[in-house]
Amino acid sequence: MTSQEIKQLRLDYGKANGNPKISQEEFAVKVIGISARQYHRWENDESKPNRLAIKELKRIKKELDEYKK
């Protein structure tokens, strides 16, 4: 996933859950279960998620896609 896709996932998740302005910190800690700093680095293209994190991001995206139907 690209940094833009990760950011869009956060924003889409927030909208779907009634919190369109969900912060990086809230999404990282409460939704993905990682540190806010690590998430910030992904979204700002300073590092890439590992395989386990990508799997979790894809799971969240799949849930959102199902929700949109």
Protein backbone atom coordinates (compact mmCIF):
# COMPACT_ATOMS: atom_id res chain seq x y z
CA MET A 1 0.00 0.00 0.00
CA THR A 2 1.16 3.50 -0.78
CA SER A 3 1.20 6.30 1.76
CA GLN A 4 -1.77 7.90 -0.01
CA GLU A 5 -3.76 4.64 0.14
CA ILE A 6 -3.01 4.34 3.85
CA LYS A 7 -4.16 7.90 4.50
CA GLN A 8 -7.32 7.37 2.44
CA LEU A 9 -8.05 4.20 4.39
CA ARG A 10 -7.86 6.18 7.65
CA LEU A 11 -10.19 8.85 6.33
CA ASP A 12 -12.65 6.30 4.91
CA TYR A 13 -12.62 4.40 8.20
CA GLY A 14 -13.36 7.60 10.09
CA LYS A 15 -16.26 8.51 7.82
CA ALA A 16 -17.74 5.01 8.08
CA ASN A 17 -17.57 5.20 11.87
CA GLY A 18 -18.95 8.70 12.34
CA ASN A 19 -15.57 10.30 12.93
CA PRO A 20 -14.50 11.90 9.63
CA LYS A 21 -11.59 13.70 11.29
CA ILE A 22 -10.08 10.60 12.94
CA SER A 23 -6.51 11.36 13.93
CA GLN A 24 -3.46 9.40 12.92
CA GLU A 25 -2.93 8.55 16.58
CA GLU A 26 -6.45 7.24 17.15
CA PHE A 27 -6.43 5.16 13.97
CA ALA A 28 -2.97 3.77 14.74
CA VAL A 29 -3.50 2.89 18.39
CA LYS A 30 -7.19 1.96 18.58
CA VAL A 31 -7.76 0.44 15.13
CA ILE A 32 -4.47 -1.04 13.94
CA GLY A 33 -2.75 -1.53 17.29
CA ILE A 34 0.55 0.19 16.52
CA SER A 35 2.29 3.32 17.74
CA ALA A 36 1.20 6.68 16.42
CA ARG A 37 4.80 7.40 15.41
CA GLN A 38 5.00 4.27 13.27
CA TYR A 39 1.72 5.11 11.55
CA HIS A 40 2.88 8.69 10.95
CA ARG A 41 5.98 7.33 9.22
CA TRP A 42 3.82 5.21 6.89
CA GLU A 43 1.49 8.03 5.99
CA ASN A 44 4.40 10.39 5.33
CA ASP A 45 6.24 7.83 3.20
CA GLU A 46 9.16 7.58 5.63
CA SER A 47 8.76 3.81 6.00
CA LYS A 48 6.57 0.98 4.78
CA PRO A 49 4.29 -1.34 6.77
CA ASN A 50 5.58 -4.87 7.35
CA ARG A 51 3.70 -7.91 6.06
CA LEU A 52 1.62 -8.33 9.21
CA ALA A 53 0.59 -4.67 9.16
CA ILE A 54 -0.28 -4.84 5.47
CA LYS A 55 -2.47 -7.84 6.21
CA GLU A 56 -4.31 -5.84 8.90
CA LEU A 57 -4.69 -2.82 6.61
CA LYS A 58 -6.14 -5.03 3.88
CA ARG A 59 -8.55 -6.57 6.40
CA ILE A 60 -9.78 -3.11 7.38
CA LYS A 61 -10.12 -2.12 3.72
CA LYS A 62 -12.12 -5.26 2.98
CA GLU A 63 -14.49 -4.49 5.87
CA LEU A 64 -14.96 -0.95 4.60
CA ASP A 65 -15.64 -2.20 1.08
CA GLU A 66 -18.30 -4.56 2.46
CA TYR A 67 -19.79 -1.72 4.51
CA LYS A 68 -20.09 0.49 1.41
CA LYS A 69 -22.16 -2.12 -0.46
